Every structure is written in structure tokens, then in C-alpha cells.
Amino acid sequence: MGTVFIAVDKTDQSNGCLKIVPKSHKIGRIDHIPVGGQVGADLERVDHILKRLPLIHLEMEAGDACFFHCNVLHRSEQNPSPNRRWAFLLAYNTAANDPVKEHHHPKYTPLTKVPNSAIKEIGVSTDPRGKDFFEGEMNEMKAIKGEAET
């Protein structure tokens, strides 16, 4: 079970970079409770942990990656800067770690391996028309100004 955090943009303390508590995954499961409209680690327990373990700011360049155990305490602050802070996260889990009760996380579903030719059989379109993400920065500026097409 692990996560890969890939910085799409430069991240630093000014734009609320990811923070981790190294080795915190070794202290056992920490209950997550409602905190400020979100679900987060029990802050009283986190306060005790931070007396023994350091909090590290992961300042990263675009393209840098950090691999960490999924139970490592981690968080990021709001981004008050004008600088974008995008990241791509990949979370890996084992089939044996299937949720024991229904909630927003999906249950384990086995993948069916298909031959490489399946992509050609489906007919993947490479036509960029109507696909906003091909416009890059221009589309981003439209979205900021509220002019994005729907």
C-alpha cells in the first residue's frame, strides 16, 4: 500500500506544499474524524505524534516524485499564492485491504487483462476538436475569467 505524489508544478511553502511526518505509518492506525468540513486525522493524536516525529515540507520541482506509505501522516495547506500547485497522485492498494464496510472508496474489482490489439478494436480518437485540455494555458485563462465553454 503506497502513494506516489508527482508534482506537476513547483511546490513550496508559499503555495501550500505537501507536508509529511516520516515514519508515522509505524505508529498504528489513526482514526479520521470530521475536521473543518473534511475528514482528517485526529488532531489530538497528531499533536502528540509531532512531539516525537518531525513535520517535513516537501518542496518539489515540477516532475519530482515522492513515494510514501499510504498511512504516513500527510497534509497540505490552502494555496494563498498566485502560483498553481497541481499534482498527480497514484495510490496503490492490495486486494487483501478491501474495505470492510460500504463507503466512498471502491471495493476491490479484479482487472481483466486484454490483448494490446483491444485499443485498436475500440477505435481511440486522436481528434482534438472539442477537447479543452488540448488548449492548455489558453483554456486555463478562460476558466479563470469564467469564459470556459460548457
C-alpha atoms as a PDB file:
ATOM      1  CA  MET A   1       0.000   0.000   0.000  1.00  0.00           C
ATOM      2  CA  GLY A   2       1.552   3.238  -1.079  1.00  0.00           C
ATOM      3  CA  THR A   3       1.130   6.567  -2.777  1.00  0.00           C
ATOM      4  CA  VAL A   4       3.202   8.336  -5.413  1.00  0.00           C
ATOM      5  CA  PHE A   5       2.874  12.145  -5.353  1.00  0.00           C
ATOM      6  CA  ILE A   6       4.097  13.687  -8.614  1.00  0.00           C
ATOM      7  CA  ALA A   7       4.449  17.471  -8.710  1.00  0.00           C
ATOM      8  CA  VAL A   8       3.026  18.870 -11.943  1.00  0.00           C
ATOM      9  CA  ASP A   9       4.003  22.364 -10.809  1.00  0.00           C
ATOM     10  CA  LYS A  10       6.706  23.609  -8.455  1.00  0.00           C
ATOM     11  CA  THR A  11       5.552  23.261  -4.852  1.00  0.00           C
ATOM     12  CA  ASP A  12       6.946  25.168  -1.892  1.00  0.00           C
ATOM     13  CA  GLN A  13       5.769  26.617   1.397  1.00  0.00           C
ATOM     14  CA  SER A  14       4.361  29.716  -0.321  1.00  0.00           C
ATOM     15  CA  ASN A  15       1.801  27.645  -2.256  1.00  0.00           C
ATOM     16  CA  GLY A  16       0.973  25.139   0.485  1.00  0.00           C
ATOM     17  CA  CYS A  17       3.256  22.240  -0.457  1.00  0.00           C
ATOM     18  CA  LEU A  18       2.655  18.719   0.783  1.00  0.00           C
ATOM     19  CA  LYS A  19       3.835  18.043   4.336  1.00  0.00           C
ATOM     20  CA  ILE A  20       4.613  14.570   5.665  1.00  0.00           C
ATOM     21  CA  VAL A  21       5.549  13.050   9.018  1.00  0.00           C
ATOM     22  CA  PRO A  22       8.200  10.437   8.164  1.00  0.00           C
ATOM     23  CA  LYS A  23       7.822   7.063   9.935  1.00  0.00           C
ATOM     24  CA  SER A  24       4.323   7.959  11.193  1.00  0.00           C
ATOM     25  CA  HIS A  25       2.947   4.887   9.414  1.00  0.00           C
ATOM     26  CA  LYS A  26       4.696   2.781  12.076  1.00  0.00           C
ATOM     27  CA  ILE A  27       2.649   4.159  14.994  1.00  0.00           C
ATOM     28  CA  GLY A  28      -0.559   2.302  14.152  1.00  0.00           C
ATOM     29  CA  ARG A  29      -3.861   3.262  12.609  1.00  0.00           C
ATOM     30  CA  ILE A  30      -5.102   6.763  13.429  1.00  0.00           C
ATOM     31  CA  ASP A  31      -8.826   7.441  13.430  1.00  0.00           C
ATOM     32  CA  HIS A  32     -10.030  10.008  10.935  1.00  0.00           C
ATOM     33  CA  ILE A  33     -12.769  12.314  12.127  1.00  0.00           C
ATOM     34  CA  PRO A  34     -14.588  15.388  10.747  1.00  0.00           C
ATOM     35  CA  VAL A  35     -12.219  18.385  10.955  1.00  0.00           C
ATOM     36  CA  GLY A  36     -13.223  21.728   9.421  1.00  0.00           C
ATOM     37  CA  GLY A  37     -15.714  20.281   6.909  1.00  0.00           C
ATOM     38  CA  GLN A  38     -13.350  17.487   5.833  1.00  0.00           C
ATOM     39  CA  VAL A  39     -12.258  14.170   7.267  1.00  0.00           C
ATOM     40  CA  GLY A  40      -8.774  14.211   8.773  1.00  0.00           C
ATOM     41  CA  ALA A  41      -6.563  12.518  11.323  1.00  0.00           C
ATOM     42  CA  ASP A  42      -7.491  13.003  14.976  1.00  0.00           C
ATOM     43  CA  LEU A  43      -5.701  16.297  15.753  1.00  0.00           C
ATOM     44  CA  GLU A  44      -5.127  15.479  19.430  1.00  0.00           C
ATOM     45  CA  ARG A  45      -3.238  12.325  18.428  1.00  0.00           C
ATOM     46  CA  VAL A  46      -1.354  14.188  15.691  1.00  0.00           C
ATOM     47  CA  ASP A  47      -0.212  16.813  18.244  1.00  0.00           C
ATOM     48  CA  HIS A  48       1.305  14.029  20.381  1.00  0.00           C
ATOM     49  CA  ILE A  49       2.982  12.455  17.349  1.00  0.00           C
ATOM     50  CA  LEU A  50       4.552  15.777  16.299  1.00  0.00           C
ATOM     51  CA  LYS A  51       6.294  15.949  19.681  1.00  0.00           C
ATOM     52  CA  ARG A  52       8.289  12.850  18.656  1.00  0.00           C
ATOM     53  CA  LEU A  53       8.481  12.959  14.855  1.00  0.00           C
ATOM     54  CA  PRO A  54       9.363  15.843  12.500  1.00  0.00           C
ATOM     55  CA  LEU A  55       6.998  17.502  10.044  1.00  0.00           C
ATOM     56  CA  ILE A  56       8.730  17.823   6.655  1.00  0.00           C
ATOM     57  CA  HIS A  57       7.727  20.318   3.940  1.00  0.00           C
ATOM     58  CA  LEU A  58       8.113  18.610   0.544  1.00  0.00           C
ATOM     59  CA  GLU A  59       9.299  21.428  -1.666  1.00  0.00           C
ATOM     60  CA  MET A  60       9.420  19.911  -5.148  1.00  0.00           C
ATOM     61  CA  GLU A  61      10.192  20.913  -8.711  1.00  0.00           C
ATOM     62  CA  ALA A  62       7.726  20.042 -11.476  1.00  0.00           C
ATOM     63  CA  GLY A  63       8.282  16.385 -12.360  1.00  0.00           C
ATOM     64  CA  ASP A  64       9.659  15.397  -8.936  1.00  0.00           C
ATOM     65  CA  ALA A  65       8.013  12.423  -7.245  1.00  0.00           C
ATOM     66  CA  CYS A  66       7.682  11.292  -3.648  1.00  0.00           C
ATOM     67  CA  PHE A  67       6.816   7.695  -2.767  1.00  0.00           C
ATOM     68  CA  PHE A  68       5.296   7.095   0.669  1.00  0.00           C
ATOM     69  CA  HIS A  69       3.307   4.507   2.611  1.00  0.00           C
ATOM     70  CA  CYS A  70      -0.402   5.277   2.494  1.00  0.00           C
ATOM     71  CA  ASN A  71      -0.601   5.558   6.294  1.00  0.00           C
ATOM     72  CA  VAL A  72       2.139   8.214   6.562  1.00  0.00           C
ATOM     73  CA  LEU A  73       0.532  11.320   8.001  1.00  0.00           C
ATOM     74  CA  HIS A  74       0.384  13.927   5.270  1.00  0.00           C
ATOM     75  CA  ARG A  75      -1.431  17.152   4.507  1.00  0.00           C
ATOM     76  CA  SER A  76      -1.174  20.361   2.541  1.00  0.00           C
ATOM     77  CA  GLU A  77      -2.365  23.852   3.305  1.00  0.00           C
ATOM     78  CA  GLN A  78      -4.527  26.078   1.154  1.00  0.00           C
ATOM     79  CA  ASN A  79      -2.688  27.781  -1.662  1.00  0.00           C
ATOM     80  CA  PRO A  80      -2.805  31.533  -0.920  1.00  0.00           C
ATOM     81  CA  SER A  81      -0.278  32.338  -3.657  1.00  0.00           C
ATOM     82  CA  PRO A  82      -0.960  33.203  -7.299  1.00  0.00           C
ATOM     83  CA  ASN A  83       1.106  30.140  -8.278  1.00  0.00           C
ATOM     84  CA  ARG A  84      -0.668  26.994  -9.394  1.00  0.00           C
ATOM     85  CA  ARG A  85       0.022  23.840  -7.351  1.00  0.00           C
ATOM     86  CA  TRP A  86      -1.124  20.841  -9.353  1.00  0.00           C
ATOM     87  CA  ALA A  87      -0.063  17.312  -8.548  1.00  0.00           C
ATOM     88  CA  PHE A  88      -0.823  13.828  -9.810  1.00  0.00           C
ATOM     89  CA  LEU A  89      -1.286  11.133  -7.174  1.00  0.00           C
ATOM     90  CA  LEU A  90      -1.270   7.400  -7.709  1.00  0.00           C
ATOM     91  CA  ALA A  91      -2.470   5.259  -4.815  1.00  0.00           C
ATOM     92  CA  TYR A  92      -1.752   1.552  -4.734  1.00  0.00           C
ATOM     93  CA  ASN A  93      -3.580  -0.890  -2.522  1.00  0.00           C
ATOM     94  CA  THR A  94      -3.580  -4.647  -2.037  1.00  0.00           C
ATOM     95  CA  ALA A  95      -6.611  -6.790  -2.812  1.00  0.00           C
ATOM     96  CA  ALA A  96      -6.434  -8.045   0.783  1.00  0.00           C
ATOM     97  CA  ASN A  97      -7.052  -4.496   2.081  1.00  0.00           C
ATOM     98  CA  ASP A  98     -10.634  -4.401   0.808  1.00  0.00           C
ATOM     99  CA  PRO A  99     -12.962  -2.046   2.766  1.00  0.00           C
ATOM    100  CA  VAL A 100     -14.951  -3.875   5.440  1.00  0.00           C
ATOM    101  CA  LYS A 101     -17.946  -1.543   5.229  1.00  0.00           C
ATOM    102  CA  GLU A 102     -19.602   0.433   2.450  1.00  0.00           C
ATOM    103  CA  HIS A 103     -18.303   3.960   1.940  1.00  0.00           C
ATOM    104  CA  HIS A 104     -16.967   6.245  -0.818  1.00  0.00           C
ATOM    105  CA  HIS A 105     -13.868   4.113  -1.515  1.00  0.00           C
ATOM    106  CA  PRO A 106     -14.463   1.401  -4.122  1.00  0.00           C
ATOM    107  CA  LYS A 107     -14.234  -2.273  -3.293  1.00  0.00           C
ATOM    108  CA  TYR A 108     -11.633  -4.456  -4.943  1.00  0.00           C
ATOM    109  CA  THR A 109     -12.513  -5.302  -8.534  1.00  0.00           C
ATOM    110  CA  PRO A 110     -10.223  -7.674 -10.405  1.00  0.00           C
ATOM    111  CA  LEU A 111      -8.886  -6.336 -13.688  1.00  0.00           C
ATOM    112  CA  THR A 112      -9.303  -8.342 -16.838  1.00  0.00           C
ATOM    113  CA  LYS A 113      -6.170  -8.411 -18.959  1.00  0.00           C
ATOM    114  CA  VAL A 114      -6.867  -7.787 -22.632  1.00  0.00           C
ATOM    115  CA  PRO A 115      -4.539  -8.023 -25.616  1.00  0.00           C
ATOM    116  CA  ASN A 116      -2.816  -4.859 -26.911  1.00  0.00           C
ATOM    117  CA  SER A 117      -4.991  -5.098 -30.024  1.00  0.00           C
ATOM    118  CA  ALA A 118      -8.046  -4.172 -27.904  1.00  0.00           C
ATOM    119  CA  ILE A 119      -7.117  -0.479 -28.181  1.00  0.00           C
ATOM    120  CA  LYS A 120      -7.338  -0.646 -31.970  1.00  0.00           C
ATOM    121  CA  GLU A 121     -10.605  -2.575 -31.780  1.00  0.00           C
ATOM    122  CA  ILE A 122     -12.196   0.146 -29.636  1.00  0.00           C
ATOM    123  CA  GLY A 123     -11.056   2.867 -32.019  1.00  0.00           C
ATOM    124  CA  VAL A 124      -9.307   5.532 -29.968  1.00  0.00           C
ATOM    125  CA  SER A 125      -9.869   9.016 -31.370  1.00  0.00           C
ATOM    126  CA  THR A 126      -6.922  11.401 -31.607  1.00  0.00           C
ATOM    127  CA  ASP A 127      -9.054  14.268 -32.937  1.00  0.00           C
ATOM    128  CA  PRO A 128      -8.512  17.230 -30.559  1.00  0.00           C
ATOM    129  CA  ARG A 129     -11.684  19.123 -31.555  1.00  0.00           C
ATOM    130  CA  GLY A 130     -13.988  19.701 -28.601  1.00  0.00           C
ATOM    131  CA  LYS A 131     -11.348  18.607 -26.082  1.00  0.00           C
ATOM    132  CA  ASP A 132     -10.499  21.610 -23.882  1.00  0.00           C
ATOM    133  CA  PHE A 133      -7.348  20.089 -22.425  1.00  0.00           C
ATOM    134  CA  PHE A 134      -5.599  20.480 -25.779  1.00  0.00           C
ATOM    135  CA  GLU A 135      -5.838  24.265 -25.396  1.00  0.00           C
ATOM    136  CA  GLY A 136      -3.541  24.287 -22.350  1.00  0.00           C
ATOM    137  CA  GLU A 137      -2.841  27.686 -20.838  1.00  0.00           C
ATOM    138  CA  MET A 138      -5.379  29.442 -23.091  1.00  0.00           C
ATOM    139  CA  ASN A 139      -8.223  27.307 -21.711  1.00  0.00           C
ATOM    140  CA  GLU A 140      -6.980  27.814 -18.155  1.00  0.00           C
ATOM    141  CA  MET A 141      -7.210  31.600 -18.576  1.00  0.00           C
ATOM    142  CA  LYS A 142     -10.758  31.262 -19.956  1.00  0.00           C
ATOM    143  CA  ALA A 143     -11.735  29.230 -16.871  1.00  0.00           C
ATOM    144  CA  ILE A 144     -10.259  31.856 -14.535  1.00  0.00           C
ATOM    145  CA  LYS A 145     -12.212  34.596 -16.304  1.00  0.00           C
ATOM    146  CA  GLY A 146     -15.406  32.469 -16.304  1.00  0.00           C
ATOM    147  CA  GLU A 147     -15.435  32.218 -20.089  1.00  0.00           C
ATOM    148  CA  ALA A 148     -14.959  28.446 -20.400  1.00  0.00           C
ATOM    149  CA  GLU A 149     -17.271  26.805 -22.866  1.00  0.00           C
ATOM    150  CA  THR A 150     -19.721  24.266 -21.490  1.00  0.00           C
END
